[in-house]
C-alpha atoms as a PDB file:
ATOM      1  CA  MET A   1       2.828   7.063  76.019  1.00  0.00           C
ATOM      2  CA  LEU A   2       6.340   8.292  75.155  1.00  0.00           C
ATOM      3  CA  SER A   3       9.558   7.604  77.023  1.00  0.00           C
ATOM      4  CA  VAL A   4      10.488   9.838  79.964  1.00  0.00           C
ATOM      5  CA  ARG A   5      13.411  11.166  77.926  1.00  0.00           C
ATOM      6  CA  SER A   6      11.063  12.192  75.129  1.00  0.00           C
ATOM      7  CA  GLY A   7       8.699  13.860  77.551  1.00  0.00           C
ATOM      8  CA  VAL A   8      11.528  15.833  79.150  1.00  0.00           C
ATOM      9  CA  ALA A   9      12.772  16.956  75.726  1.00  0.00           C
ATOM     10  CA  ILE A  10       9.296  18.191  74.812  1.00  0.00           C
ATOM     11  CA  TYR A  11       8.932  20.104  78.084  1.00  0.00           C
ATOM     12  CA  ARG A  12      12.369  21.683  77.643  1.00  0.00           C
ATOM     13  CA  THR A  13      11.261  22.956  74.253  1.00  0.00           C
ATOM     14  CA  ILE A  14       8.086  24.383  75.796  1.00  0.00           C
ATOM     15  CA  ALA A  15      10.182  26.035  78.534  1.00  0.00           C
ATOM     16  CA  ARG A  16      12.267  27.846  75.907  1.00  0.00           C
ATOM     17  CA  ILE A  17       9.281  28.995  73.850  1.00  0.00           C
ATOM     18  CA  ALA A  18       6.582  29.675  76.447  1.00  0.00           C
ATOM     19  CA  PRO A  19       7.799  29.261  80.050  1.00  0.00           C
ATOM     20  CA  ALA A  20       5.085  28.152  82.463  1.00  0.00           C
ATOM     21  CA  PRO A  21       5.103  26.970  86.100  1.00  0.00           C
ATOM     22  CA  TYR A  22       3.734  23.521  85.257  1.00  0.00           C
ATOM     23  CA  VAL A  23       6.649  22.992  82.850  1.00  0.00           C
ATOM     24  CA  ASP A  24       9.285  23.955  85.432  1.00  0.00           C
ATOM     25  CA  ASP A  25       7.513  21.771  87.977  1.00  0.00           C
ATOM     26  CA  MET A  26       7.645  18.722  85.713  1.00  0.00           C
ATOM     27  CA  LEU A  27      11.273  19.348  84.736  1.00  0.00           C
ATOM     28  CA  ALA A  28      12.280  19.758  88.398  1.00  0.00           C
ATOM     29  CA  ARG A  29      10.604  16.465  89.305  1.00  0.00           C
ATOM     30  CA  ALA A  30      12.208  14.673  86.361  1.00  0.00           C
ATOM     31  CA  ALA A  31      15.646  16.016  87.322  1.00  0.00           C
ATOM     32  CA  LEU A  32      15.134  14.876  90.895  1.00  0.00           C
ATOM     33  CA  ALA A  33      14.156  11.411  89.718  1.00  0.00           C
ATOM     34  CA  ARG A  34      17.369  11.025  87.736  1.00  0.00           C
ATOM     35  CA  GLY A  35      19.535  12.520  90.494  1.00  0.00           C
ATOM     36  CA  ASP A  36      20.400  15.764  88.699  1.00  0.00           C
ATOM     37  CA  LEU A  37      20.110  17.961  91.778  1.00  0.00           C
ATOM     38  CA  GLN A  38      21.567  21.097  90.223  1.00  0.00           C
ATOM     39  CA  SER A  39      18.971  21.106  87.431  1.00  0.00           C
ATOM     40  CA  ALA A  40      16.194  20.204  89.871  1.00  0.00           C
ATOM     41  CA  GLN A  41      17.048  23.183  92.061  1.00  0.00           C
ATOM     42  CA  SER A  42      17.321  25.507  89.085  1.00  0.00           C
ATOM     43  CA  TYR A  43      13.898  24.548  87.723  1.00  0.00           C
ATOM     44  CA  ALA A  44      12.302  24.653  91.188  1.00  0.00           C
ATOM     45  CA  GLN A  45      13.675  28.157  91.796  1.00  0.00           C
ATOM     46  CA  HIS A  46      11.906  29.355  88.640  1.00  0.00           C
ATOM     47  CA  LEU A  47       8.561  28.486  90.199  1.00  0.00           C
ATOM     48  CA  PRO A  48       6.488  31.203  91.874  1.00  0.00           C
ATOM     49  CA  ALA A  49       6.585  31.241  95.685  1.00  0.00           C
ATOM     50  CA  SER A  50       4.300  28.460  96.857  1.00  0.00           C
ATOM     51  CA  GLY A  51       4.135  25.363  98.995  1.00  0.00           C
ATOM     52  CA  ASN A  52       4.991  23.283  95.953  1.00  0.00           C
ATOM     53  CA  ARG A  53       8.172  25.294  95.286  1.00  0.00           C
ATOM     54  CA  SER A  54       9.278  24.948  98.917  1.00  0.00           C
ATOM     55  CA  ARG A  55       8.500  21.232  98.876  1.00  0.00           C
ATOM     56  CA  LEU A  56      10.581  20.629  95.743  1.00  0.00           C
ATOM     57  CA  LEU A  57      13.506  22.637  97.117  1.00  0.00           C
ATOM     58  CA  ALA A  58      13.223  20.663 100.360  1.00  0.00           C
ATOM     59  CA  ARG A  59      13.495  17.398  98.452  1.00  0.00           C
ATOM     60  CA  VAL A  60      16.615  18.704  96.716  1.00  0.00           C
ATOM     61  CA  ALA A  61      18.134  19.714 100.072  1.00  0.00           C
ATOM     62  CA  LEU A  62      17.270  16.326 101.541  1.00  0.00           C
ATOM     63  CA  ALA A  63      18.891  14.540  98.607  1.00  0.00           C
ATOM     64  CA  ARG A  64      22.031  16.601  99.257  1.00  0.00           C
ATOM     65  CA  GLY A  65      22.042  15.601 102.915  1.00  0.00           C
ATOM     66  CA  ASP A  66      21.164  19.114 104.125  1.00  0.00           C
ATOM     67  CA  ARG A  67      18.468  18.096 106.574  1.00  0.00           C
ATOM     68  CA  ARG A  68      18.287  21.414 108.400  1.00  0.00           C
ATOM     69  CA  SER A  69      17.469  23.327 105.212  1.00  0.00           C
ATOM     70  CA  ALA A  70      15.069  20.576 104.143  1.00  0.00           C
ATOM     71  CA  GLN A  71      13.226  20.754 107.454  1.00  0.00           C
ATOM     72  CA  ALA A  72      12.857  24.534 107.242  1.00  0.00           C
ATOM     73  CA  LEU A  73      11.524  24.264 103.697  1.00  0.00           C
ATOM     74  CA  PHE A  74       9.092  21.480 104.583  1.00  0.00           C
ATOM     75  CA  VAL A  75       7.774  23.679 107.406  1.00  0.00           C
ATOM     76  CA  ARG A  76       7.438  26.613 104.998  1.00  0.00           C
ATOM     77  CA  ALA A  77       5.471  24.342 102.660  1.00  0.00           C
ATOM     78  CA  GLY A  78       3.226  23.217 105.518  1.00  0.00           C
ATOM     79  CA  ASP A  79       4.019  19.618 104.548  1.00  0.00           C
ATOM     80  CA  ALA A  80       2.894  17.845 107.737  1.00  0.00           C
ATOM     81  CA  GLY A  81       3.753  14.378 106.429  1.00  0.00           C
ATOM     82  CA  ALA A  82       7.337  15.284 105.564  1.00  0.00           C
ATOM     83  CA  VAL A  83       7.855  17.173 108.819  1.00  0.00           C
ATOM     84  CA  ASP A  84       6.409  14.263 110.798  1.00  0.00           C
ATOM     85  CA  ALA A  85       8.937  11.918 109.189  1.00  0.00           C
ATOM     86  CA  GLU A  86      11.744  14.248 110.231  1.00  0.00           C
ATOM     87  CA  VAL A  87      10.304  14.612 113.738  1.00  0.00           C
ATOM     88  CA  GLN A  88      10.177  10.836 114.165  1.00  0.00           C
ATOM     89  CA  ARG A  89      13.778  10.542 113.025  1.00  0.00           C
ATOM     90  CA  LEU A  90      14.901  13.260 115.442  1.00  0.00           C
ATOM     91  CA  ALA A  91      12.879  11.852 118.345  1.00  0.00           C
ATOM     92  CA  ALA A  92      15.059   8.745 118.379  1.00  0.00           C
ATOM     93  CA  HIS A  93      18.088  10.738 119.529  1.00  0.00           C
ATOM     94  CA  ASP A  94      17.180  14.400 120.126  1.00  0.00           C
ATOM     95  CA  LEU A  95      13.764  15.003 121.707  1.00  0.00           C
ATOM     96  CA  PRO A  96      14.242  18.774 122.196  1.00  0.00           C
ATOM     97  CA  ALA A  97      15.045  19.200 118.491  1.00  0.00           C
ATOM     98  CA  ALA A  98      12.057  17.043 117.533  1.00  0.00           C
ATOM     99  CA  TYR A  99       9.782  19.125 119.762  1.00  0.00           C
ATOM    100  CA  ALA A 100      11.136  22.388 118.341  1.00  0.00           C
ATOM    101  CA  LEU A 101      10.557  21.218 114.760  1.00  0.00           C
ATOM    102  CA  GLU A 102       7.002  20.095 115.510  1.00  0.00           C
ATOM    103  CA  MET A 103       6.350  23.445 117.183  1.00  0.00           C
ATOM    104  CA  GLN A 104       7.519  25.241 114.026  1.00  0.00           C
ATOM    105  CA  LEU A 105       5.054  23.193 111.986  1.00  0.00           C
ATOM    106  CA  LYS A 106       2.231  23.885 114.431  1.00  0.00           C
ATOM    107  CA  ASN A 107       2.918  27.627 114.261  1.00  0.00           C
ATOM    108  CA  ARG A 108       3.052  27.498 110.450  1.00  0.00           C
ATOM    109  CA  LEU A 109      -0.266  25.663 110.251  1.00  0.00           C
ATOM    110  CA  GLU A 110      -1.928  28.100 112.633  1.00  0.00           C
ATOM    111  CA  ARG A 111      -0.703  31.113 110.644  1.00  0.00           C
ATOM    112  CA  SER A 112      -1.868  29.639 107.355  1.00  0.00           C
ATOM    113  CA  GLY A 113      -5.421  29.118 108.611  1.00  0.00           C
ATOM    114  CA  THR A 114      -5.356  25.469 107.620  1.00  0.00           C
ATOM    115  CA  HIS A 115      -8.028  22.992 108.750  1.00  0.00           C
ATOM    116  CA  PRO A 116      -8.196  22.776 112.581  1.00  0.00           C
ATOM    117  CA  ASP A 117      -7.752  19.004 112.449  1.00  0.00           C
ATOM    118  CA  ALA A 118      -4.214  19.440 111.088  1.00  0.00           C
ATOM    119  CA  VAL A 119      -3.365  21.855 113.905  1.00  0.00           C
ATOM    120  CA  ALA A 120      -4.920  19.487 116.452  1.00  0.00           C
ATOM    121  CA  GLU A 121      -2.726  16.654 115.180  1.00  0.00           C
ATOM    122  CA  ALA A 122       0.358  18.833 115.593  1.00  0.00           C
ATOM    123  CA  TYR A 123      -0.643  19.610 119.183  1.00  0.00           C
ATOM    124  CA  TRP A 124      -1.146  15.890 119.818  1.00  0.00           C
ATOM    125  CA  ARG A 125       2.343  15.124 118.477  1.00  0.00           C
ATOM    126  CA  LEU A 126       3.729  17.841 120.740  1.00  0.00           C
ATOM    127  CA  GLY A 127       1.988  16.111 123.645  1.00  0.00           C
ATOM    128  CA  VAL A 128       3.539  12.767 122.745  1.00  0.00           C
ATOM    129  CA  LEU A 129       7.015  14.284 122.467  1.00  0.00           C
ATOM    130  CA  ALA A 130       6.644  16.173 125.742  1.00  0.00           C
ATOM    131  CA  ALA A 131       5.494  12.997 127.493  1.00  0.00           C
ATOM    132  CA  LEU A 132       8.504  11.091 126.151  1.00  0.00           C
ATOM    133  CA  ALA A 133      10.738  13.845 127.503  1.00  0.00           C
ATOM    134  CA  GLY A 134       9.088  13.622 130.928  1.00  0.00           C
ATOM    135  CA  ARG A 135       7.497  17.066 130.596  1.00  0.00           C
ATOM    136  CA  ARG A 136       4.160  15.887 131.915  1.00  0.00           C
ATOM    137  CA  GLU A 137       2.393  19.209 132.465  1.00  0.00           C
ATOM    138  CA  ILE A 138       3.383  20.440 129.013  1.00  0.00           C
ATOM    139  CA  ALA A 139       2.168  17.156 127.518  1.00  0.00           C
ATOM    140  CA  MET A 140      -1.173  17.583 129.288  1.00  0.00           C
ATOM    141  CA  ALA A 141      -1.518  21.163 128.036  1.00  0.00           C
ATOM    142  CA  ASN A 142      -0.863  20.057 124.454  1.00  0.00           C
ATOM    143  CA  TYR A 143      -3.385  17.219 124.648  1.00  0.00           C
ATOM    144  CA  ARG A 144      -5.989  19.639 125.988  1.00  0.00           C
ATOM    145  CA  ARG A 145      -5.299  22.038 123.137  1.00  0.00           C
ATOM    146  CA  ALA A 146      -5.700  19.206 120.644  1.00  0.00           C
ATOM    147  CA  LEU A 147      -9.048  18.373 122.235  1.00  0.00           C
ATOM    148  CA  ASP A 148     -10.148  22.004 122.112  1.00  0.00           C
ATOM    149  CA  LEU A 149      -9.781  21.793 118.338  1.00  0.00           C
ATOM    150  CA  SER A 150     -11.049  18.227 117.905  1.00  0.00           C
ATOM    151  CA  PRO A 151     -13.159  17.298 120.959  1.00  0.00           C
ATOM    152  CA  ILE A 152     -14.457  13.973 119.650  1.00  0.00           C
ATOM    153  CA  SER A 153     -11.132  12.399 118.765  1.00  0.00           C
ATOM    154  CA  GLY A 154     -10.842   9.085 120.558  1.00  0.00           C
ATOM    155  CA  LYS A 155      -7.058   9.135 120.130  1.00  0.00           C
ATOM    156  CA  TYR A 156      -6.691  12.519 121.796  1.00  0.00           C
ATOM    157  CA  LEU A 157      -9.082  11.581 124.602  1.00  0.00           C
ATOM    158  CA  VAL A 158      -7.189   8.373 125.377  1.00  0.00           C
ATOM    159  CA  SER A 159      -3.855  10.206 125.362  1.00  0.00           C
ATOM    160  CA  ALA A 160      -5.232  12.886 127.680  1.00  0.00           C
ATOM    161  CA  GLY A 161      -6.674  10.180 129.922  1.00  0.00           C
ATOM    162  CA  PHE A 162      -3.364   8.401 130.368  1.00  0.00           C
ATOM    163  CA  GLN A 163      -1.560  11.697 130.900  1.00  0.00           C
ATOM    164  CA  ALA A 164      -4.046  12.696 133.595  1.00  0.00           C
ATOM    165  CA  TYR A 165      -3.607   9.235 135.145  1.00  0.00           C
ATOM    166  CA  ASP A 166       0.168   9.711 135.120  1.00  0.00           C
ATOM    167  CA  LEU A 167      -0.325  13.048 136.893  1.00  0.00           C
ATOM    168  CA  ARG A 168      -2.557  11.280 139.463  1.00  0.00           C
ATOM    169  CA  ARG A 169      -5.578  13.366 138.481  1.00  0.00           C
ATOM    170  CA  MET A 170      -7.918  10.413 138.593  1.00  0.00           C
ATOM    171  CA  ASN A 171     -11.214  12.252 138.261  1.00  0.00           C
ATOM    172  CA  ASP A 172      -9.969  13.976 135.126  1.00  0.00           C
ATOM    173  CA  ALA A 173      -8.611  10.683 133.796  1.00  0.00           C
ATOM    174  CA  ARG A 174     -11.942   8.953 134.391  1.00  0.00           C
ATOM    175  CA  GLN A 175     -13.797  11.670 132.480  1.00  0.00           C
ATOM    176  CA  TYR A 176     -11.421  11.462 129.527  1.00  0.00           C
ATOM    177  CA  PHE A 177     -11.713   7.670 129.327  1.00  0.00           C
ATOM    178  CA  GLU A 178     -15.508   7.795 129.639  1.00  0.00           C
ATOM    179  CA  ARG A 179     -15.637  10.321 126.799  1.00  0.00           C
ATOM    180  CA  ALA A 180     -13.296   8.144 124.729  1.00  0.00           C
ATOM    181  CA  ILE A 181     -15.561   5.128 125.229  1.00  0.00           C
ATOM    182  CA  GLY A 182     -18.537   7.238 124.204  1.00  0.00           C
ATOM    183  CA  VAL A 183     -16.737   8.246 120.998  1.00  0.00           C
ATOM    184  CA  ASP A 184     -15.366   4.770 120.243  1.00  0.00           C
ATOM    185  CA  PRO A 185     -16.992   1.910 122.197  1.00  0.00           C
ATOM    186  CA  ARG A 186     -14.517  -0.501 120.587  1.00  0.00           C
ATOM    187  CA  SER A 187     -11.406   1.132 122.046  1.00  0.00           C
ATOM    188  CA  ALA A 188      -9.623  -1.485 124.138  1.00  0.00           C
ATOM    189  CA  ASP A 189      -7.191   1.140 125.400  1.00  0.00           C
ATOM    190  CA  ALA A 190     -10.033   3.372 126.614  1.00  0.00           C
ATOM    191  CA  TYR A 191     -11.564   0.522 128.633  1.00  0.00           C
ATOM    192  CA  ALA A 192      -8.156  -0.467 130.019  1.00  0.00           C
ATOM    193  CA  GLY A 193      -7.469   3.128 131.007  1.00  0.00           C
ATOM    194  CA  ALA A 194     -10.870   3.361 132.646  1.00  0.00           C
ATOM    195  CA  GLY A 195     -10.066   0.177 134.543  1.00  0.00           C
ATOM    196  CA  MET A 196      -6.703   1.487 135.713  1.00  0.00           C
ATOM    197  CA  THR A 197      -8.419   4.650 136.912  1.00  0.00           C
ATOM    198  CA  ALA A 198     -11.192   2.712 138.667  1.00  0.00           C
ATOM    199  CA  LEU A 199      -8.608   0.591 140.465  1.00  0.00           C
ATOM    200  CA  ALA A 200      -6.693   3.702 141.571  1.00  0.00           C
ATOM    201  CA  LEU A 201      -9.966   5.081 142.941  1.00  0.00           C
ATOM    202  CA  GLY A 202     -10.583   1.873 144.907  1.00  0.00           C
ATOM    203  CA  ASP A 203     -13.246   0.251 142.701  1.00  0.00           C
ATOM    204  CA  ARG A 204     -11.730  -3.177 141.991  1.00  0.00           C
ATOM    205  CA  ALA A 205     -14.981  -4.657 140.700  1.00  0.00           C
ATOM    206  CA  GLN A 206     -15.291  -1.956 138.041  1.00  0.00           C
ATOM    207  CA  ALA A 207     -11.630  -2.366 137.140  1.00  0.00           C
ATOM    208  CA  LYS A 208     -12.195  -6.110 136.546  1.00  0.00           C
ATOM    209  CA  ALA A 209     -15.260  -5.369 134.413  1.00  0.00           C
ATOM    210  CA  ASP A 210     -13.330  -2.849 132.325  1.00  0.00           C
ATOM    211  CA  ALA A 211     -10.476  -5.325 131.931  1.00  0.00           C
ATOM    212  CA  ALA A 212     -12.907  -7.933 130.629  1.00  0.00           C
ATOM    213  CA  ARG A 213     -14.326  -5.473 128.091  1.00  0.00           C
ATOM    214  CA  SER A 214     -10.847  -4.457 126.969  1.00  0.00           C
ATOM    215  CA  ARG A 215      -9.754  -8.101 126.667  1.00  0.00           C
ATOM    216  CA  ALA A 216     -12.777  -8.943 124.542  1.00  0.00           C
ATOM    217  CA  LEU A 217     -11.929  -6.095 122.151  1.00  0.00           C
ATOM    218  CA  ASP A 218      -8.161  -6.584 121.909  1.00  0.00           C
ATOM    219  CA  PRO A 219      -6.351  -9.073 124.163  1.00  0.00           C
ATOM    220  CA  ALA A 220      -3.009  -7.667 122.982  1.00  0.00           C
ATOM    221  CA  ALA A 221      -3.733  -4.048 124.004  1.00  0.00           C
ATOM    222  CA  HIS A 222      -0.700  -2.600 125.753  1.00  0.00           C
ATOM    223  CA  ALA A 223      -2.725  -0.796 128.444  1.00  0.00           C
ATOM    224  CA  LEU A 224      -4.642  -4.010 129.166  1.00  0.00           C
ATOM    225  CA  LYS A 225      -1.385  -5.745 130.085  1.00  0.00           C
ATOM    226  CA  THR A 226      -0.688  -2.969 132.584  1.00  0.00           C
ATOM    227  CA  LEU A 227      -4.174  -3.271 134.075  1.00  0.00           C
ATOM    228  CA  GLU A 228      -3.956  -7.048 134.343  1.00  0.00           C
ATOM    229  CA  SER A 229      -0.614  -6.709 136.097  1.00  0.00           C
ATOM    230  CA  GLN A 230      -2.153  -4.260 138.571  1.00  0.00           C
ATOM    231  CA  LEU A 231      -5.069  -6.591 139.247  1.00  0.00           C
ATOM    232  CA  ARG A 232      -2.830  -9.570 140.085  1.00  0.00           C
END
């Protein structure tokens, strides 16, 4: 209910009398908010080693324009959201660097024993980056690893299906798309992928049926446009 300035003054008094991590944390955040990066770093460095300390120091580094240090600190913190933002930025102009950063996060998450879903998501992102770089076998391996950890993810199944299709492994692709439909019967992309696979295997009637199902679910689905083009 007091002003921010009053709150900071009170916390500074507490820090002098009875230092505590929650006080340094608040003072570091307040300094960051007002752009006082030197104070923010000083308060953050007083914190015990933790993900929160690394995250605060990363934000200071980012504010200073030191992205490399910020990325390393975000990885140390296991901050998947912050690392993902950096990976997306890098992917626009440096796919190898983006892949390397995502790999660092994946390794960090595995070492920390975090929830398997977070590790699976990192493997999926590695698959996407590898596919963008034209590294198709590596992309497929990453999608499979994601599915090992999260076997009923419709997103991972669809990605694996399209990667198998791209590798001309049609039987594998068909199985992935069938599993994806079983997980999420409202996935327009899964039906479109199944249709593309059916057409490649010579079953035009099934491809048309899958296209109709996909169209009914989402007429703007990107994969549906590809299937419709193939059917013309």
